[in-house]
Amino acid sequence: DIWMDYVKPVGIRLTLQIATVLWLLACAAWTVQILWSV
């Protein structure tokens, strides 16, 4: 939702939101992987 305030073009905003969601999923998966490996 940070992107909503600063980025006006809808296409760029969508791309950034998708990238943000993918980044959060990657971080979550990375955390789970670390927890499982311990």
Protein backbone atom coordinates (compact mmCIF):
# COMPACT_ATOMS: atom_id res chain seq x y z
CA ASP A 1 0.00 0.00 0.00
CA ILE A 2 3.06 2.25 0.14
CA TRP A 3 3.05 2.28 -3.66
CA MET A 4 -0.50 3.66 -3.78
CA ASP A 5 0.63 7.05 -2.47
CA TYR A 6 3.81 7.53 -4.47
CA VAL A 7 3.26 5.79 -7.80
CA LYS A 8 0.47 7.11 -10.03
CA PRO A 9 0.66 4.98 -13.23
CA VAL A 10 -1.50 1.88 -12.72
CA GLY A 11 0.78 -0.48 -14.66
CA ILE A 12 3.88 0.43 -12.67
CA ARG A 13 1.89 0.31 -9.44
CA LEU A 14 0.62 -3.21 -10.23
CA THR A 15 4.12 -4.37 -11.12
CA LEU A 16 5.55 -3.01 -7.87
CA GLN A 17 2.76 -4.54 -5.80
CA ILE A 18 3.29 -7.95 -7.41
CA ALA A 19 7.04 -7.63 -6.84
CA THR A 20 6.42 -6.70 -3.20
CA VAL A 21 4.15 -9.72 -2.66
CA LEU A 22 6.71 -12.02 -4.29
CA TRP A 23 9.45 -10.51 -2.10
CA LEU A 24 7.41 -11.14 1.06
CA LEU A 25 6.69 -14.73 -0.03
CA ALA A 26 10.39 -15.26 -0.74
CA CYS A 27 11.32 -13.93 2.70
CA ALA A 28 8.72 -16.17 4.34
CA ALA A 29 9.96 -19.23 2.44
CA TRP A 30 13.56 -18.37 3.36
CA THR A 31 12.61 -18.07 7.03
CA VAL A 32 10.79 -21.42 6.97
CA GLN A 33 13.78 -23.02 5.27
CA ILE A 34 16.11 -21.73 7.99
CA LEU A 35 13.78 -22.90 10.76
CA TRP A 36 13.49 -26.36 9.19
CA SER A 37 17.24 -26.72 8.72
CA VAL A 38 18.00 -26.01 12.39
